[in-house]
Full PDB file with SEQRES, HELIX, SHEET, SSBOND, CRYST1, ORIGX, SCALE, CONECT and MASTER records, all heavy atoms in Angstrom:
SEQRES   1 A   40  LEU HIS ARG LYS ILE LEU ARG LEU ALA THR GLN ASP ALA          
SEQRES   2 A   40  THR ALA THR LYS ALA ALA LEU SER PRO ARG GLU VAL ASP          
SEQRES   3 A   40  ALA LEU THR LEU LEU ALA PHE GLY HIS SER ARG ALA GLN          
SEQRES   4 A   40  VAL                                                          
HELIX    1 AA1 HIS A    2  ALA A   19  1                                  18    
HELIX    2 AA2 PRO A   22  ALA A   32  1                                  11    
CRYST1    1.000    1.000    1.000  90.00  90.00  90.00 P 1           1          
ORIGX1      1.000000  0.000000  0.000000        0.00000                         
ORIGX2      0.000000  1.000000  0.000000        0.00000                         
ORIGX3      0.000000  0.000000  1.000000        0.00000                         
SCALE1      1.000000  0.000000  0.000000        0.00000                         
SCALE2      0.000000  1.000000  0.000000        0.00000                         
SCALE3      0.000000  0.000000  1.000000        0.00000                         
ATOM      1  N   LEU A   1     -12.412  20.904  25.773  1.00  0.00           N  
ATOM      2  CA  LEU A   1     -11.581  20.050  24.932  1.00  0.00           C  
ATOM      3  C   LEU A   1     -12.148  19.966  23.520  1.00  0.00           C  
ATOM      4  O   LEU A   1     -11.413  20.048  22.528  1.00  0.00           O  
ATOM      5  CB  LEU A   1     -11.491  18.656  25.560  1.00  0.00           C  
ATOM      6  CG  LEU A   1     -10.629  17.607  24.859  1.00  0.00           C  
ATOM      7  CD1 LEU A   1      -9.192  18.090  24.726  1.00  0.00           C  
ATOM      8  CD2 LEU A   1     -10.662  16.303  25.636  1.00  0.00           C  
ATOM      9  N   HIS A   2     -13.458  19.812  23.405  1.00  0.00           N  
ATOM     10  CA  HIS A   2     -14.079  19.715  22.088  1.00  0.00           C  
ATOM     11  C   HIS A   2     -13.888  21.003  21.289  1.00  0.00           C  
ATOM     12  O   HIS A   2     -13.603  20.961  20.080  1.00  0.00           O  
ATOM     13  CB  HIS A   2     -15.562  19.395  22.232  1.00  0.00           C  
ATOM     14  CG  HIS A   2     -16.231  19.058  20.936  1.00  0.00           C  
ATOM     15  ND1 HIS A   2     -15.871  17.979  20.171  1.00  0.00           N  
ATOM     16  CD2 HIS A   2     -17.235  19.667  20.253  1.00  0.00           C  
ATOM     17  CE1 HIS A   2     -16.617  17.933  19.076  1.00  0.00           C  
ATOM     18  NE2 HIS A   2     -17.443  18.939  19.113  1.00  0.00           N  
ATOM     19  N   ARG A   3     -14.025  22.127  21.946  1.00  0.00           N  
ATOM     20  CA  ARG A   3     -13.826  23.402  21.267  1.00  0.00           C  
ATOM     21  C   ARG A   3     -12.397  23.516  20.729  1.00  0.00           C  
ATOM     22  O   ARG A   3     -12.163  23.979  19.619  1.00  0.00           O  
ATOM     23  CB  ARG A   3     -14.117  24.558  22.235  1.00  0.00           C  
ATOM     24  CG  ARG A   3     -14.043  25.941  21.585  1.00  0.00           C  
ATOM     25  CD  ARG A   3     -14.360  27.029  22.588  1.00  0.00           C  
ATOM     26  NE  ARG A   3     -13.362  27.091  23.638  1.00  0.00           N  
ATOM     27  CZ  ARG A   3     -13.421  27.930  24.672  1.00  0.00           C  
ATOM     28  NH1 ARG A   3     -14.471  28.739  24.802  1.00  0.00           N  
ATOM     29  NH2 ARG A   3     -12.474  27.946  25.584  1.00  0.00           N  
ATOM     30  N   LYS A   4     -11.432  23.051  21.537  1.00  0.00           N  
ATOM     31  CA  LYS A   4     -10.036  23.084  21.111  1.00  0.00           C  
ATOM     32  C   LYS A   4      -9.815  22.171  19.905  1.00  0.00           C  
ATOM     33  O   LYS A   4      -9.113  22.531  18.953  1.00  0.00           O  
ATOM     34  CB  LYS A   4      -9.142  22.648  22.269  1.00  0.00           C  
ATOM     35  CG  LYS A   4      -7.652  22.676  21.962  1.00  0.00           C  
ATOM     36  CD  LYS A   4      -7.139  24.091  21.778  1.00  0.00           C  
ATOM     37  CE  LYS A   4      -5.625  24.125  21.647  1.00  0.00           C  
ATOM     38  NZ  LYS A   4      -5.084  25.488  21.592  1.00  0.00           N  
ATOM     39  N   ILE A   5     -10.405  20.974  19.937  1.00  0.00           N  
ATOM     40  CA  ILE A   5     -10.248  20.029  18.837  1.00  0.00           C  
ATOM     41  C   ILE A   5     -10.827  20.602  17.545  1.00  0.00           C  
ATOM     42  O   ILE A   5     -10.217  20.485  16.478  1.00  0.00           O  
ATOM     43  CB  ILE A   5     -10.925  18.680  19.186  1.00  0.00           C  
ATOM     44  CG1 ILE A   5     -10.096  17.948  20.247  1.00  0.00           C  
ATOM     45  CG2 ILE A   5     -11.083  17.803  17.957  1.00  0.00           C  
ATOM     46  CD1 ILE A   5     -10.730  16.674  20.747  1.00  0.00           C  
ATOM     47  N   LEU A   6     -11.988  21.217  17.610  1.00  0.00           N  
ATOM     48  CA  LEU A   6     -12.582  21.818  16.419  1.00  0.00           C  
ATOM     49  C   LEU A   6     -11.677  22.893  15.838  1.00  0.00           C  
ATOM     50  O   LEU A   6     -11.503  23.001  14.620  1.00  0.00           O  
ATOM     51  CB  LEU A   6     -13.952  22.417  16.758  1.00  0.00           C  
ATOM     52  CG  LEU A   6     -15.082  21.432  17.053  1.00  0.00           C  
ATOM     53  CD1 LEU A   6     -16.358  22.193  17.413  1.00  0.00           C  
ATOM     54  CD2 LEU A   6     -15.325  20.524  15.864  1.00  0.00           C  
ATOM     55  N   ARG A   7     -11.062  23.679  16.713  1.00  0.00           N  
ATOM     56  CA  ARG A   7     -10.155  24.726  16.262  1.00  0.00           C  
ATOM     57  C   ARG A   7      -8.932  24.134  15.573  1.00  0.00           C  
ATOM     58  O   ARG A   7      -8.520  24.577  14.500  1.00  0.00           O  
ATOM     59  CB  ARG A   7      -9.743  25.578  17.462  1.00  0.00           C  
ATOM     60  CG  ARG A   7      -9.960  27.059  17.209  1.00  0.00           C  
ATOM     61  CD  ARG A   7      -9.801  27.965  18.391  1.00  0.00           C  
ATOM     62  NE  ARG A   7      -8.912  27.560  19.436  1.00  0.00           N  
ATOM     63  CZ  ARG A   7      -9.209  27.629  20.723  1.00  0.00           C  
ATOM     64  NH1 ARG A   7     -10.412  28.018  21.097  1.00  0.00           N  
ATOM     65  NH2 ARG A   7      -8.343  27.301  21.643  1.00  0.00           N  
ATOM     66  N   LEU A   8      -8.334  23.114  16.220  1.00  0.00           N  
ATOM     67  CA  LEU A   8      -7.134  22.499  15.663  1.00  0.00           C  
ATOM     68  C   LEU A   8      -7.438  21.766  14.361  1.00  0.00           C  
ATOM     69  O   LEU A   8      -6.632  21.796  13.423  1.00  0.00           O  
ATOM     70  CB  LEU A   8      -6.533  21.522  16.674  1.00  0.00           C  
ATOM     71  CG  LEU A   8      -5.913  22.137  17.932  1.00  0.00           C  
ATOM     72  CD1 LEU A   8      -5.487  21.047  18.895  1.00  0.00           C  
ATOM     73  CD2 LEU A   8      -4.725  23.021  17.569  1.00  0.00           C  
ATOM     74  N   ALA A   9      -8.589  21.101  14.305  1.00  0.00           N  
ATOM     75  CA  ALA A   9      -8.958  20.374  13.091  1.00  0.00           C  
ATOM     76  C   ALA A   9      -9.145  21.335  11.921  1.00  0.00           C  
ATOM     77  O   ALA A   9      -8.744  21.040  10.790  1.00  0.00           O  
ATOM     78  CB  ALA A   9     -10.231  19.571  13.328  1.00  0.00           C  
ATOM     79  N   THR A  10      -9.740  22.481  12.186  1.00  0.00           N  
ATOM     80  CA  THR A  10      -9.916  23.487  11.141  1.00  0.00           C  
ATOM     81  C   THR A  10      -8.571  24.004  10.662  1.00  0.00           C  
ATOM     82  O   THR A  10      -8.336  24.164   9.456  1.00  0.00           O  
ATOM     83  CB  THR A  10     -10.771  24.654  11.664  1.00  0.00           C  
ATOM     84  OG1 THR A  10     -12.048  24.157  12.069  1.00  0.00           O  
ATOM     85  CG2 THR A  10     -10.957  25.716  10.592  1.00  0.00           C  
ATOM     86  N   GLN A  11      -7.667  24.245  11.601  1.00  0.00           N  
ATOM     87  CA  GLN A  11      -6.328  24.713  11.234  1.00  0.00           C  
ATOM     88  C   GLN A  11      -5.584  23.669  10.419  1.00  0.00           C  
ATOM     89  O   GLN A  11      -4.949  23.977   9.421  1.00  0.00           O  
ATOM     90  CB  GLN A  11      -5.530  25.042  12.499  1.00  0.00           C  
ATOM     91  CG  GLN A  11      -6.043  26.252  13.265  1.00  0.00           C  
ATOM     92  CD  GLN A  11      -5.381  26.407  14.621  1.00  0.00           C  
ATOM     93  OE1 GLN A  11      -4.452  25.681  14.968  1.00  0.00           O  
ATOM     94  NE2 GLN A  11      -5.876  27.341  15.413  1.00  0.00           N  
ATOM     95  N   ASP A  12      -5.694  22.404  10.832  1.00  0.00           N  
ATOM     96  CA  ASP A  12      -5.021  21.312  10.117  1.00  0.00           C  
ATOM     97  C   ASP A  12      -5.538  21.194   8.693  1.00  0.00           C  
ATOM     98  O   ASP A  12      -4.775  21.038   7.742  1.00  0.00           O  
ATOM     99  CB  ASP A  12      -5.242  19.987  10.844  1.00  0.00           C  
ATOM    100  CG  ASP A  12      -4.250  19.782  11.970  1.00  0.00           C  
ATOM    101  OD1 ASP A  12      -3.458  20.712  12.226  1.00  0.00           O  
ATOM    102  OD2 ASP A  12      -4.259  18.708  12.596  1.00  0.00           O  
ATOM    103  N   ALA A  13      -6.873  21.266   8.554  1.00  0.00           N  
ATOM    104  CA  ALA A  13      -7.470  21.113   7.232  1.00  0.00           C  
ATOM    105  C   ALA A  13      -7.050  22.244   6.313  1.00  0.00           C  
ATOM    106  O   ALA A  13      -6.719  22.037   5.147  1.00  0.00           O  
ATOM    107  CB  ALA A  13      -8.993  21.066   7.353  1.00  0.00           C  
ATOM    108  N   THR A  14      -7.039  23.465   6.844  1.00  0.00           N  
ATOM    109  CA  THR A  14      -6.640  24.613   6.041  1.00  0.00           C  
ATOM    110  C   THR A  14      -5.185  24.503   5.616  1.00  0.00           C  
ATOM    111  O   THR A  14      -4.826  24.747   4.472  1.00  0.00           O  
ATOM    112  CB  THR A  14      -6.838  25.917   6.842  1.00  0.00           C  
ATOM    113  OG1 THR A  14      -8.208  26.036   7.199  1.00  0.00           O  
ATOM    114  CG2 THR A  14      -6.427  27.125   6.014  1.00  0.00           C  
ATOM    115  N   ALA A  15      -4.329  24.100   6.561  1.00  0.00           N  
ATOM    116  CA  ALA A  15      -2.893  24.004   6.270  1.00  0.00           C  
ATOM    117  C   ALA A  15      -2.601  22.913   5.247  1.00  0.00           C  
ATOM    118  O   ALA A  15      -1.822  23.110   4.304  1.00  0.00           O  
ATOM    119  CB  ALA A  15      -2.116  23.730   7.554  1.00  0.00           C  
ATOM    120  N   THR A  16      -3.220  21.757   5.398  1.00  0.00           N  
ATOM    121  CA  THR A  16      -2.921  20.656   4.497  1.00  0.00           C  
ATOM    122  C   THR A  16      -3.487  20.882   3.109  1.00  0.00           C  
ATOM    123  O   THR A  16      -2.869  20.498   2.115  1.00  0.00           O  
ATOM    124  CB  THR A  16      -3.460  19.327   5.056  1.00  0.00           C  
ATOM    125  OG1 THR A  16      -4.832  19.468   5.373  1.00  0.00           O  
ATOM    126  CG2 THR A  16      -2.700  18.913   6.295  1.00  0.00           C  
ATOM    127  N   LYS A  17      -4.643  21.512   3.021  1.00  0.00           N  
ATOM    128  CA  LYS A  17      -5.211  21.789   1.705  1.00  0.00           C  
ATOM    129  C   LYS A  17      -4.324  22.734   0.922  1.00  0.00           C  
ATOM    130  O   LYS A  17      -4.220  22.654  -0.295  1.00  0.00           O  
ATOM    131  CB  LYS A  17      -6.621  22.381   1.849  1.00  0.00           C  
ATOM    132  CG  LYS A  17      -7.678  21.345   2.232  1.00  0.00           C  
ATOM    133  CD  LYS A  17      -9.044  21.961   2.366  1.00  0.00           C  
ATOM    134  CE  LYS A  17     -10.063  20.900   2.750  1.00  0.00           C  
ATOM    135  NZ  LYS A  17     -11.417  21.448   2.932  1.00  0.00           N  
ATOM    136  N   ALA A  18      -3.653  23.637   1.600  1.00  0.00           N  
ATOM    137  CA  ALA A  18      -2.797  24.594   0.922  1.00  0.00           C  
ATOM    138  C   ALA A  18      -1.425  24.011   0.620  1.00  0.00           C  
ATOM    139  O   ALA A  18      -0.706  24.532  -0.217  1.00  0.00           O  
ATOM    140  CB  ALA A  18      -2.645  25.848   1.779  1.00  0.00           C  
ATOM    141  N   ALA A  19      -1.072  22.910   1.307  1.00  0.00           N  
ATOM    142  CA  ALA A  19       0.304  22.442   1.248  1.00  0.00           C  
ATOM    143  C   ALA A  19       0.573  21.412   0.157  1.00  0.00           C  
ATOM    144  O   ALA A  19       1.622  21.421  -0.461  1.00  0.00           O  
ATOM    145  CB  ALA A  19       0.716  21.878   2.607  1.00  0.00           C  
ATOM    146  N   LEU A  20      -0.348  20.476  -0.072  1.00  0.00           N  
ATOM    147  CA  LEU A  20      -0.078  19.385  -0.997  1.00  0.00           C  
ATOM    148  C   LEU A  20      -0.042  19.853  -2.448  1.00  0.00           C  
ATOM    149  O   LEU A  20      -0.903  20.594  -2.899  1.00  0.00           O  
ATOM    150  CB  LEU A  20      -1.138  18.284  -0.849  1.00  0.00           C  
ATOM    151  CG  LEU A  20      -1.143  17.476   0.442  1.00  0.00           C  
ATOM    152  CD1 LEU A  20      -2.144  16.338   0.331  1.00  0.00           C  
ATOM    153  CD2 LEU A  20       0.233  16.935   0.767  1.00  0.00           C  
ATOM    154  N   SER A  21       0.951  19.353  -3.153  1.00  0.00           N  
ATOM    155  CA  SER A  21       1.064  19.686  -4.578  1.00  0.00           C  
ATOM    156  C   SER A  21       0.156  18.759  -5.384  1.00  0.00           C  
ATOM    157  O   SER A  21      -0.259  17.704  -4.903  1.00  0.00           O  
ATOM    158  CB  SER A  21       2.506  19.505  -5.041  1.00  0.00           C  
ATOM    159  OG  SER A  21       2.841  18.127  -5.097  1.00  0.00           O  
ATOM    160  N   PRO A  22      -0.157  19.124  -6.637  1.00  0.00           N  
ATOM    161  CA  PRO A  22      -1.000  18.250  -7.466  1.00  0.00           C  
ATOM    162  C   PRO A  22      -0.429  16.846  -7.618  1.00  0.00           C  
ATOM    163  O   PRO A  22      -1.169  15.861  -7.599  1.00  0.00           O  
ATOM    164  CB  PRO A  22      -1.042  18.985  -8.808  1.00  0.00           C  
ATOM    165  CG  PRO A  22      -0.853  20.430  -8.449  1.00  0.00           C  
ATOM    166  CD  PRO A  22       0.123  20.403  -7.301  1.00  0.00           C  
ATOM    167  N   ARG A  23       0.902  16.728  -7.782  1.00  0.00           N  
ATOM    168  CA  ARG A  23       1.518  15.416  -7.924  1.00  0.00           C  
ATOM    169  C   ARG A  23       1.419  14.602  -6.632  1.00  0.00           C  
ATOM    170  O   ARG A  23       1.230  13.380  -6.664  1.00  0.00           O  
ATOM    171  CB  ARG A  23       2.981  15.557  -8.333  1.00  0.00           C  
ATOM    172  CG  ARG A  23       3.211  15.744  -9.822  1.00  0.00           C  
ATOM    173  CD  ARG A  23       2.624  14.593 -10.605  1.00  0.00           C  
ATOM    174  NE  ARG A  23       3.201  14.475 -11.926  1.00  0.00           N  
ATOM    175  CZ  ARG A  23       2.732  13.698 -12.888  1.00  0.00           C  
ATOM    176  NH1 ARG A  23       1.648  12.978 -12.662  1.00  0.00           N  
ATOM    177  NH2 ARG A  23       3.321  13.625 -14.066  1.00  0.00           N  
ATOM    178  N   GLU A  24       1.531  15.255  -5.484  1.00  0.00           N  
ATOM    179  CA  GLU A  24       1.382  14.567  -4.205  1.00  0.00           C  
ATOM    180  C   GLU A  24      -0.041  14.046  -4.040  1.00  0.00           C  
ATOM    181  O   GLU A  24      -0.260  12.928  -3.562  1.00  0.00           O  
ATOM    182  CB  GLU A  24       1.762  15.495  -3.053  1.00  0.00           C  
ATOM    183  CG  GLU A  24       3.262  15.784  -2.986  1.00  0.00           C  
ATOM    184  CD  GLU A  24       3.612  16.947  -2.082  1.00  0.00           C  
ATOM    185  OE1 GLU A  24       2.689  17.694  -1.689  1.00  0.00           O  
ATOM    186  OE2 GLU A  24       4.809  17.106  -1.779  1.00  0.00           O  
ATOM    187  N   VAL A  25      -1.009  14.843  -4.471  1.00  0.00           N  
ATOM    188  CA  VAL A  25      -2.408  14.423  -4.426  1.00  0.00           C  
ATOM    189  C   VAL A  25      -2.627  13.226  -5.342  1.00  0.00           C  
ATOM    190  O   VAL A  25      -3.278  12.239  -4.976  1.00  0.00           O  
ATOM    191  CB  VAL A  25      -3.344  15.584  -4.827  1.00  0.00           C  
ATOM    192  CG1 VAL A  25      -4.774  15.089  -5.003  1.00  0.00           C  
ATOM    193  CG2 VAL A  25      -3.296  16.699  -3.783  1.00  0.00           C  
ATOM    194  N   ASP A  26      -2.072  13.286  -6.556  1.00  0.00           N  
ATOM    195  CA  ASP A  26      -2.214  12.177  -7.509  1.00  0.00           C  
ATOM    196  C   ASP A  26      -1.626  10.891  -6.937  1.00  0.00           C  
ATOM    197  O   ASP A  26      -2.234   9.814  -7.019  1.00  0.00           O  
ATOM    198  CB  ASP A  26      -1.508  12.516  -8.827  1.00  0.00           C  
ATOM    199  CG  ASP A  26      -2.215  13.612  -9.613  1.00  0.00           C  
ATOM    200  OD1 ASP A  26      -3.409  13.858  -9.343  1.00  0.00           O  
ATOM    201  OD2 ASP A  26      -1.567  14.216 -10.477  1.00  0.00           O  
ATOM    202  N   ALA A  27      -0.438  11.005  -6.352  1.00  0.00           N  
ATOM    203  CA  ALA A  27       0.255   9.827  -5.823  1.00  0.00           C  
ATOM    204  C   ALA A  27      -0.553   9.181  -4.700  1.00  0.00           C  
ATOM    205  O   ALA A  27      -0.764   7.960  -4.694  1.00  0.00           O  
ATOM    206  CB  ALA A  27       1.640  10.216  -5.325  1.00  0.00           C  
ATOM    207  N   LEU A  28      -1.026   9.978  -3.760  1.00  0.00           N  
ATOM    208  CA  LEU A  28      -1.793   9.427  -2.645  1.00  0.00           C  
ATOM    209  C   LEU A  28      -3.124   8.847  -3.110  1.00  0.00           C  
ATOM    210  O   LEU A  28      -3.580   7.815  -2.605  1.00  0.00           O  
ATOM    211  CB  LEU A  28      -2.037  10.496  -1.581  1.00  0.00           C  
ATOM    212  CG  LEU A  28      -0.816  10.976  -0.779  1.00  0.00           C  
ATOM    213  CD1 LEU A  28      -1.265  11.949   0.310  1.00  0.00           C  
ATOM    214  CD2 LEU A  28      -0.056   9.808  -0.166  1.00  0.00           C  
ATOM    215  N   THR A  29      -3.753   9.501  -4.074  1.00  0.00           N  
ATOM    216  CA  THR A  29      -5.041   9.016  -4.582  1.00  0.00           C  
ATOM    217  C   THR A  29      -4.893   7.637  -5.214  1.00  0.00           C  
ATOM    218  O   THR A  29      -5.675   6.711  -4.935  1.00  0.00           O  
ATOM    219  CB  THR A  29      -5.621   9.996  -5.612  1.00  0.00           C  
ATOM    220  OG1 THR A  29      -5.831  11.272  -4.987  1.00  0.00           O  
ATOM    221  CG2 THR A  29      -6.951   9.486  -6.150  1.00  0.00           C  
ATOM    222  N   LEU A  30      -3.892   7.482  -6.069  1.00  0.00           N  
ATOM    223  CA  LEU A  30      -3.689   6.195  -6.739  1.00  0.00           C  
ATOM    224  C   LEU A  30      -3.297   5.095  -5.748  1.00  0.00           C  
ATOM    225  O   LEU A  30      -3.742   3.947  -5.875  1.00  0.00           O  
ATOM    226  CB  LEU A  30      -2.629   6.348  -7.828  1.00  0.00           C  
ATOM    227  CG  LEU A  30      -3.052   7.235  -9.019  1.00  0.00           C  
ATOM    228  CD1 LEU A  30      -1.876   7.488  -9.947  1.00  0.00           C  
ATOM    229  CD2 LEU A  30      -4.211   6.584  -9.777  1.00  0.00           C  
ATOM    230  N   LEU A  31      -2.481   5.447  -4.774  1.00  0.00           N  
ATOM    231  CA  LEU A  31      -2.128   4.468  -3.740  1.00  0.00           C  
ATOM    232  C   LEU A  31      -3.355   4.077  -2.928  1.00  0.00           C  
ATOM    233  O   LEU A  31      -3.517   2.912  -2.544  1.00  0.00           O  
ATOM    234  CB  LEU A  31      -1.047   5.038  -2.826  1.00  0.00           C  
ATOM    235  CG  LEU A  31       0.357   5.166  -3.432  1.00  0.00           C  
ATOM    236  CD1 LEU A  31       1.263   5.964  -2.492  1.00  0.00           C  
ATOM    237  CD2 LEU A  31       0.962   3.784  -3.703  1.00  0.00           C  
ATOM    238  N   ALA A  32      -4.225   5.039  -2.663  1.00  0.00           N  
ATOM    239  CA  ALA A  32      -5.440   4.768  -1.897  1.00  0.00           C  
ATOM    240  C   ALA A  32      -6.354   3.788  -2.623  1.00  0.00           C  
ATOM    241  O   ALA A  32      -7.092   3.034  -1.986  1.00  0.00           O  
ATOM    242  CB  ALA A  32      -6.187   6.073  -1.613  1.00  0.00           C  
ATOM    243  N   PHE A  33      -6.292   3.786  -3.947  1.00  0.00           N  
ATOM    244  CA  PHE A  33      -7.108   2.864  -4.728  1.00  0.00           C  
ATOM    245  C   PHE A  33      -6.501   1.466  -4.791  1.00  0.00           C  
ATOM    246  O   PHE A  33      -7.056   0.575  -5.431  1.00  0.00           O  
ATOM    247  CB  PHE A  33      -7.323   3.401  -6.138  1.00  0.00           C  
ATOM    248  CG  PHE A  33      -8.475   4.365  -6.244  1.00  0.00           C  
ATOM    249  CD1 PHE A  33      -8.249   5.720  -6.396  1.00  0.00           C  
ATOM    250  CD2 PHE A  33      -9.785   3.917  -6.167  1.00  0.00           C  
ATOM    251  CE1 PHE A  33      -9.307   6.615  -6.493  1.00  0.00           C  
ATOM    252  CE2 PHE A  33     -10.852   4.802  -6.252  1.00  0.00           C  
ATOM    253  CZ  PHE A  33     -10.614   6.156  -6.412  1.00  0.00           C  
ATOM    254  N   GLY A  34      -5.350   1.274  -4.139  1.00  0.00           N  
ATOM    255  CA  GLY A  34      -4.783  -0.061  -4.042  1.00  0.00           C  
ATOM    256  C   GLY A  34      -3.703  -0.390  -5.048  1.00  0.00           C  
ATOM    257  O   GLY A  34      -3.216  -1.525  -5.099  1.00  0.00           O  
ATOM    258  N   HIS A  35      -3.290   0.587  -5.849  1.00  0.00           N  
ATOM    259  CA  HIS A  35      -2.224   0.345  -6.814  1.00  0.00           C  
ATOM    260  C   HIS A  35      -0.881   0.258  -6.094  1.00  0.00           C  
ATOM    261  O   HIS A  35      -0.659   0.929  -5.081  1.00  0.00           O  
ATOM    262  CB  HIS A  35      -2.174   1.460  -7.860  1.00  0.00           C  
ATOM    263  CG  HIS A  35      -3.431   1.580  -8.677  1.00  0.00           C  
ATOM    264  ND1 HIS A  35      -3.869   0.584  -9.521  1.00  0.00           N  
ATOM    265  CD2 HIS A  35      -4.344   2.581  -8.774  1.00  0.00           C  
ATOM    266  CE1 HIS A  35      -4.996   0.973 -10.102  1.00  0.00           C  
ATOM    267  NE2 HIS A  35      -5.312   2.174  -9.663  1.00  0.00           N  
ATOM    268  N   SER A  36       0.022  -0.561  -6.612  1.00  0.00           N  
ATOM    269  CA  SER A  36       1.367  -0.651  -6.045  1.00  0.00           C  
ATOM    270  C   SER A  36       2.171   0.587  -6.432  1.00  0.00           C  
ATOM    271  O   SER A  36       1.775   1.347  -7.331  1.00  0.00           O  
ATOM    272  CB  SER A  36       2.083  -1.897  -6.572  1.00  0.00           C  
ATOM    273  OG  SER A  36       2.353  -1.750  -7.964  1.00  0.00           O  
ATOM    274  N   ARG A  37       3.296   0.774  -5.769  1.00  0.00           N  
ATOM    275  CA  ARG A  37       4.142   1.920  -6.105  1.00  0.00           C  
ATOM    276  C   ARG A  37       4.629   1.847  -7.549  1.00  0.00           C  
ATOM    277  O   ARG A  37       4.697   2.869  -8.237  1.00  0.00           O  
ATOM    278  CB  ARG A  37       5.329   2.005  -5.140  1.00  0.00           C  
ATOM    279  CG  ARG A  37       4.912   2.364  -3.724  1.00  0.00           C  
ATOM    280  CD  ARG A  37       6.084   2.824  -2.901  1.00  0.00           C  
ATOM    281  NE  ARG A  37       5.677   3.202  -1.551  1.00  0.00           N  
ATOM    282  CZ  ARG A  37       6.342   4.065  -0.790  1.00  0.00           C  
ATOM    283  NH1 ARG A  37       7.454   4.620  -1.227  1.00  0.00           N  
ATOM    284  NH2 ARG A  37       5.916   4.359   0.423  1.00  0.00           N  
ATOM    285  N   ALA A  38       4.964   0.645  -7.989  1.00  0.00           N  
ATOM    286  CA  ALA A  38       5.428   0.490  -9.371  1.00  0.00           C  
ATOM    287  C   ALA A  38       4.326   0.876 -10.359  1.00  0.00           C  
ATOM    288  O   ALA A  38       4.578   1.556 -11.365  1.00  0.00           O  
ATOM    289  CB  ALA A  38       5.873  -0.952  -9.610  1.00  0.00           C  
ATOM    290  N   GLN A  39       3.101   0.457 -10.055  1.00  0.00           N  
ATOM    291  CA  GLN A  39       1.972   0.796 -10.935  1.00  0.00           C  
ATOM    292  C   GLN A  39       1.707   2.295 -10.940  1.00  0.00           C  
ATOM    293  O   GLN A  39       1.445   2.884 -11.995  1.00  0.00           O  
ATOM    294  CB  GLN A  39       0.725   0.040 -10.474  1.00  0.00           C  
ATOM    295  CG  GLN A  39       0.772  -1.454 -10.709  1.00  0.00           C  
ATOM    296  CD  GLN A  39      -0.392  -2.183 -10.066  1.00  0.00           C  
ATOM    297  OE1 GLN A  39      -0.853  -1.812  -8.976  1.00  0.00           O  
ATOM    298  NE2 GLN A  39      -0.876  -3.233 -10.718  1.00  0.00           N  
ATOM    299  N   VAL A  40       1.774   2.921  -9.753  1.00  0.00           N  
ATOM    300  CA  VAL A  40       1.525   4.364  -9.661  1.00  0.00           C  
ATOM    301  C   VAL A  40       2.595   5.136 -10.430  1.00  0.00           C  
ATOM    302  O   VAL A  40       2.296   6.089 -11.160  1.00  0.00           O  
ATOM    303  CB  VAL A  40       1.486   4.815  -8.184  1.00  0.00           C  
ATOM    304  CG1 VAL A  40       1.424   6.336  -8.092  1.00  0.00           C  
ATOM    305  CG2 VAL A  40       0.291   4.189  -7.470  1.00  0.00           C  
TER     306      VAL A  40                                                      
MASTER        0    0    0    2    0    0    0    6  305    1    0    4          
END                                                                             
């Protein structure tokens, strides 16, 4: 099970790093810092 999880986690990380656009990264980063949607 652990071997499978490591494989899937690596695949997920690779896929998501390639998928998010710069604006999507900016939006999530600012929201993560606690800013409201209006502020972001």
